[in-house]
Amino acid sequence: MDLSLIYIFFLVLSISSVESCILQNEMQIHIINRLPPNSPQLKLHCASKGNDLGERLPAIDEDINWSVCEGFFFNEVYFCKFWWGTKEKGLQVYNDPFYCVEDSDDYNHVDNCKWEVRKDGFYLQQTNHTDGSYYMYHYLDWS
């Protein structure tokens, strides 16, 4: 095979990982502030090894979201740190393209990882296999 064709293939692949998810799975990660009105401001900071999303101060019901183009070796990991009043918690919000997070019991059928931050902790969207609907599973407490 001509070396220029190989070079062009890898060039297109590298550009596609920056611009869009050609030949790769695109995953949408959502973090929604579902804390009570008139409560302390939620602050979060999310990052991966190569992409720092910075600190955010989402309003109640605001959806902070971003896309991940998962590579061929499924090695993308996003970690978020959350602060709410006197509480703080850190967790991986994405580390598996099939389950969102490795210790989830539910295969992700919709190519998004939807999280809700609530007063009693962190909820991850799961699928009800009986009727195909979705529900929010209490994944982790604040403490």
C-alpha atoms as a PDB file:
ATOM      1  CA  MET A   1       0.000   0.000   0.000  1.00  0.00           C
ATOM      2  CA  ASP A   2       1.249   3.461  -0.851  1.00  0.00           C
ATOM      3  CA  LEU A   3       2.648   5.279   2.204  1.00  0.00           C
ATOM      4  CA  SER A   4       0.846   8.470   1.210  1.00  0.00           C
ATOM      5  CA  LEU A   5      -2.514   6.674   1.520  1.00  0.00           C
ATOM      6  CA  ILE A   6      -1.591   5.455   5.005  1.00  0.00           C
ATOM      7  CA  TYR A   7      -0.517   8.975   5.959  1.00  0.00           C
ATOM      8  CA  ILE A   8      -3.803  10.429   4.651  1.00  0.00           C
ATOM      9  CA  PHE A   9      -5.820   7.809   6.572  1.00  0.00           C
ATOM     10  CA  PHE A  10      -4.140   8.666   9.884  1.00  0.00           C
ATOM     11  CA  LEU A  11      -4.381  12.390   9.175  1.00  0.00           C
ATOM     12  CA  VAL A  12      -8.140  12.117   8.586  1.00  0.00           C
ATOM     13  CA  LEU A  13      -8.479   9.963  11.697  1.00  0.00           C
ATOM     14  CA  SER A  14      -6.626  12.467  13.875  1.00  0.00           C
ATOM     15  CA  ILE A  15      -8.631  15.413  12.498  1.00  0.00           C
ATOM     16  CA  SER A  16     -11.887  13.506  12.968  1.00  0.00           C
ATOM     17  CA  SER A  17     -11.119  12.932  16.645  1.00  0.00           C
ATOM     18  CA  VAL A  18     -10.884  16.708  17.120  1.00  0.00           C
ATOM     19  CA  GLU A  19     -13.674  17.910  14.830  1.00  0.00           C
ATOM     20  CA  SER A  20     -16.249  15.099  15.035  1.00  0.00           C
ATOM     21  CA  CYS A  21     -16.535  11.414  15.770  1.00  0.00           C
ATOM     22  CA  ILE A  22     -16.000   9.896  12.328  1.00  0.00           C
ATOM     23  CA  LEU A  23     -15.165   6.198  12.782  1.00  0.00           C
ATOM     24  CA  GLN A  24     -15.581   6.620  16.542  1.00  0.00           C
ATOM     25  CA  ASN A  25     -18.455   6.429  19.006  1.00  0.00           C
ATOM     26  CA  GLU A  26     -19.704   9.813  20.251  1.00  0.00           C
ATOM     27  CA  MET A  27     -20.928   9.904  23.830  1.00  0.00           C
ATOM     28  CA  GLN A  28     -22.763  12.873  25.348  1.00  0.00           C
ATOM     29  CA  ILE A  29     -22.157  13.466  29.054  1.00  0.00           C
ATOM     30  CA  HIS A  30     -24.799  15.478  30.931  1.00  0.00           C
ATOM     31  CA  ILE A  31     -24.681  16.743  34.505  1.00  0.00           C
ATOM     32  CA  ILE A  32     -27.917  18.388  35.613  1.00  0.00           C
ATOM     33  CA  ASN A  33     -28.293  20.432  38.784  1.00  0.00           C
ATOM     34  CA  ARG A  34     -31.431  19.082  40.511  1.00  0.00           C
ATOM     35  CA  LEU A  35     -30.695  20.611  43.904  1.00  0.00           C
ATOM     36  CA  PRO A  36     -33.517  22.401  45.749  1.00  0.00           C
ATOM     37  CA  PRO A  37     -34.221  26.060  44.964  1.00  0.00           C
ATOM     38  CA  ASN A  38     -32.685  28.555  47.393  1.00  0.00           C
ATOM     39  CA  SER A  39     -29.937  26.108  48.374  1.00  0.00           C
ATOM     40  CA  PRO A  40     -26.192  26.838  48.279  1.00  0.00           C
ATOM     41  CA  GLN A  41     -24.631  27.220  44.838  1.00  0.00           C
ATOM     42  CA  LEU A  42     -23.386  23.985  43.263  1.00  0.00           C
ATOM     43  CA  LYS A  43     -19.848  24.183  41.912  1.00  0.00           C
ATOM     44  CA  LEU A  44     -18.257  21.512  39.759  1.00  0.00           C
ATOM     45  CA  HIS A  45     -14.983  20.972  37.969  1.00  0.00           C
ATOM     46  CA  CYS A  46     -14.667  18.236  35.337  1.00  0.00           C
ATOM     47  CA  ALA A  47     -11.644  17.065  33.400  1.00  0.00           C
ATOM     48  CA  SER A  48     -10.040  14.175  31.568  1.00  0.00           C
ATOM     49  CA  LYS A  49      -6.340  13.551  31.149  1.00  0.00           C
ATOM     50  CA  GLY A  50      -6.241  15.804  28.092  1.00  0.00           C
ATOM     51  CA  ASN A  51      -9.280  18.075  28.479  1.00  0.00           C
ATOM     52  CA  ASP A  52      -9.930  20.368  31.443  1.00  0.00           C
ATOM     53  CA  LEU A  53     -13.493  21.696  31.251  1.00  0.00           C
ATOM     54  CA  GLY A  54     -12.930  24.196  34.061  1.00  0.00           C
ATOM     55  CA  GLU A  55     -15.094  25.176  37.008  1.00  0.00           C
ATOM     56  CA  ARG A  56     -18.804  25.698  36.449  1.00  0.00           C
ATOM     57  CA  LEU A  57     -21.593  27.130  38.599  1.00  0.00           C
ATOM     58  CA  PRO A  58     -24.779  25.615  37.129  1.00  0.00           C
ATOM     59  CA  ALA A  59     -28.155  27.141  37.980  1.00  0.00           C
ATOM     60  CA  ILE A  60     -30.963  24.909  39.228  1.00  0.00           C
ATOM     61  CA  ASP A  61     -32.055  22.579  36.361  1.00  0.00           C
ATOM     62  CA  GLU A  62     -29.123  23.685  34.174  1.00  0.00           C
ATOM     63  CA  ASP A  63     -27.564  20.934  32.051  1.00  0.00           C
ATOM     64  CA  ILE A  64     -23.762  21.035  31.777  1.00  0.00           C
ATOM     65  CA  ASN A  65     -22.829  18.762  28.876  1.00  0.00           C
ATOM     66  CA  TRP A  66     -20.034  17.845  26.507  1.00  0.00           C
ATOM     67  CA  SER A  67     -19.176  15.234  23.882  1.00  0.00           C
ATOM     68  CA  VAL A  68     -16.568  12.515  24.055  1.00  0.00           C
ATOM     69  CA  CYS A  69     -15.222  10.774  20.967  1.00  0.00           C
ATOM     70  CA  GLU A  70     -14.219   7.398  22.306  1.00  0.00           C
ATOM     71  CA  GLY A  71     -11.086   6.008  20.699  1.00  0.00           C
ATOM     72  CA  PHE A  72     -10.427   2.482  19.539  1.00  0.00           C
ATOM     73  CA  PHE A  73      -9.026   1.404  22.915  1.00  0.00           C
ATOM     74  CA  PHE A  74     -11.808   2.849  25.128  1.00  0.00           C
ATOM     75  CA  ASN A  75      -9.465   4.772  27.390  1.00  0.00           C
ATOM     76  CA  GLU A  76     -11.263   8.089  27.916  1.00  0.00           C
ATOM     77  CA  VAL A  77     -11.987   8.923  31.588  1.00  0.00           C
ATOM     78  CA  TYR A  78     -13.753  12.025  32.917  1.00  0.00           C
ATOM     79  CA  PHE A  79     -13.628  12.895  36.606  1.00  0.00           C
ATOM     80  CA  CYS A  80     -15.682  15.608  38.299  1.00  0.00           C
ATOM     81  CA  LYS A  81     -15.349  17.242  41.685  1.00  0.00           C
ATOM     82  CA  PHE A  82     -18.538  18.696  43.206  1.00  0.00           C
ATOM     83  CA  TRP A  83     -19.005  21.229  46.018  1.00  0.00           C
ATOM     84  CA  TRP A  84     -22.359  22.086  47.583  1.00  0.00           C
ATOM     85  CA  GLY A  85     -22.424  24.023  50.842  1.00  0.00           C
ATOM     86  CA  THR A  86     -20.227  22.050  53.262  1.00  0.00           C
ATOM     87  CA  LYS A  87     -20.360  18.897  51.124  1.00  0.00           C
ATOM     88  CA  GLU A  88     -17.879  17.822  48.494  1.00  0.00           C
ATOM     89  CA  LYS A  89     -17.488  14.720  46.388  1.00  0.00           C
ATOM     90  CA  GLY A  90     -15.346  13.511  43.510  1.00  0.00           C
ATOM     91  CA  LEU A  91     -16.318  10.771  41.090  1.00  0.00           C
ATOM     92  CA  GLN A  92     -15.683   9.438  37.632  1.00  0.00           C
ATOM     93  CA  VAL A  93     -18.657  10.378  35.458  1.00  0.00           C
ATOM     94  CA  TYR A  94     -17.396   8.512  32.397  1.00  0.00           C
ATOM     95  CA  ASN A  95     -14.929   5.647  32.027  1.00  0.00           C
ATOM     96  CA  ASP A  96     -16.759   3.082  29.895  1.00  0.00           C
ATOM     97  CA  PRO A  97     -18.409   3.570  26.466  1.00  0.00           C
ATOM     98  CA  PHE A  98     -20.903   0.757  27.095  1.00  0.00           C
ATOM     99  CA  TYR A  99     -21.975   1.473  30.691  1.00  0.00           C
ATOM    100  CA  CYS A 100     -20.920   5.129  31.288  1.00  0.00           C
ATOM    101  CA  VAL A 101     -19.075   3.958  34.399  1.00  0.00           C
ATOM    102  CA  GLU A 102     -17.558   0.504  34.862  1.00  0.00           C
ATOM    103  CA  ASP A 103     -19.533  -0.412  37.971  1.00  0.00           C
ATOM    104  CA  SER A 104     -22.933   0.391  36.434  1.00  0.00           C
ATOM    105  CA  ASP A 105     -25.211  -2.609  35.953  1.00  0.00           C
ATOM    106  CA  ASP A 106     -26.971  -1.245  32.906  1.00  0.00           C
ATOM    107  CA  TYR A 107     -25.793  -1.183  29.295  1.00  0.00           C
ATOM    108  CA  ASN A 108     -26.119   2.332  27.865  1.00  0.00           C
ATOM    109  CA  HIS A 109     -28.596   2.190  24.962  1.00  0.00           C
ATOM    110  CA  VAL A 110     -28.750   5.906  24.166  1.00  0.00           C
ATOM    111  CA  ASP A 111     -25.124   7.082  23.774  1.00  0.00           C
ATOM    112  CA  ASN A 112     -25.316   9.510  26.665  1.00  0.00           C
ATOM    113  CA  CYS A 113     -24.363   9.486  30.304  1.00  0.00           C
ATOM    114  CA  LYS A 114     -26.978  11.510  32.127  1.00  0.00           C
ATOM    115  CA  TRP A 115     -26.258  12.456  35.737  1.00  0.00           C
ATOM    116  CA  GLU A 116     -28.384  14.415  38.181  1.00  0.00           C
ATOM    117  CA  VAL A 117     -26.970  16.069  41.294  1.00  0.00           C
ATOM    118  CA  ARG A 118     -29.570  16.004  44.080  1.00  0.00           C
ATOM    119  CA  LYS A 119     -29.582  16.802  47.794  1.00  0.00           C
ATOM    120  CA  ASP A 120     -29.134  13.110  48.677  1.00  0.00           C
ATOM    121  CA  GLY A 121     -26.413  12.389  46.107  1.00  0.00           C
ATOM    122  CA  PHE A 122     -25.708  11.517  42.496  1.00  0.00           C
ATOM    123  CA  TYR A 123     -28.079   9.758  40.117  1.00  0.00           C
ATOM    124  CA  LEU A 124     -27.239   8.000  36.849  1.00  0.00           C
ATOM    125  CA  GLN A 125     -29.784   7.328  34.101  1.00  0.00           C
ATOM    126  CA  GLN A 126     -30.563   3.623  33.664  1.00  0.00           C
ATOM    127  CA  THR A 127     -32.876   1.617  31.419  1.00  0.00           C
ATOM    128  CA  ASN A 128     -35.949  -0.253  32.623  1.00  0.00           C
ATOM    129  CA  HIS A 129     -35.632  -3.466  30.627  1.00  0.00           C
ATOM    130  CA  THR A 130     -39.302  -4.355  31.145  1.00  0.00           C
ATOM    131  CA  ASP A 131     -40.736  -1.449  29.160  1.00  0.00           C
ATOM    132  CA  GLY A 132     -37.693   0.360  27.725  1.00  0.00           C
ATOM    133  CA  SER A 133     -38.252   3.524  29.753  1.00  0.00           C
ATOM    134  CA  TYR A 134     -35.508   5.346  31.625  1.00  0.00           C
ATOM    135  CA  TYR A 135     -35.173   6.155  35.292  1.00  0.00           C
ATOM    136  CA  MET A 136     -32.612   7.822  37.544  1.00  0.00           C
ATOM    137  CA  TYR A 137     -30.699   5.357  39.739  1.00  0.00           C
ATOM    138  CA  HIS A 138     -29.282   6.589  43.070  1.00  0.00           C
ATOM    139  CA  TYR A 139     -25.625   5.869  42.277  1.00  0.00           C
ATOM    140  CA  LEU A 140     -23.764   7.573  45.134  1.00  0.00           C
ATOM    141  CA  ASP A 141     -24.378   9.601  48.304  1.00  0.00           C
ATOM    142  CA  TRP A 142     -22.675  12.879  49.123  1.00  0.00           C
ATOM    143  CA  SER A 143     -20.959  11.301  52.133  1.00  0.00           C
END
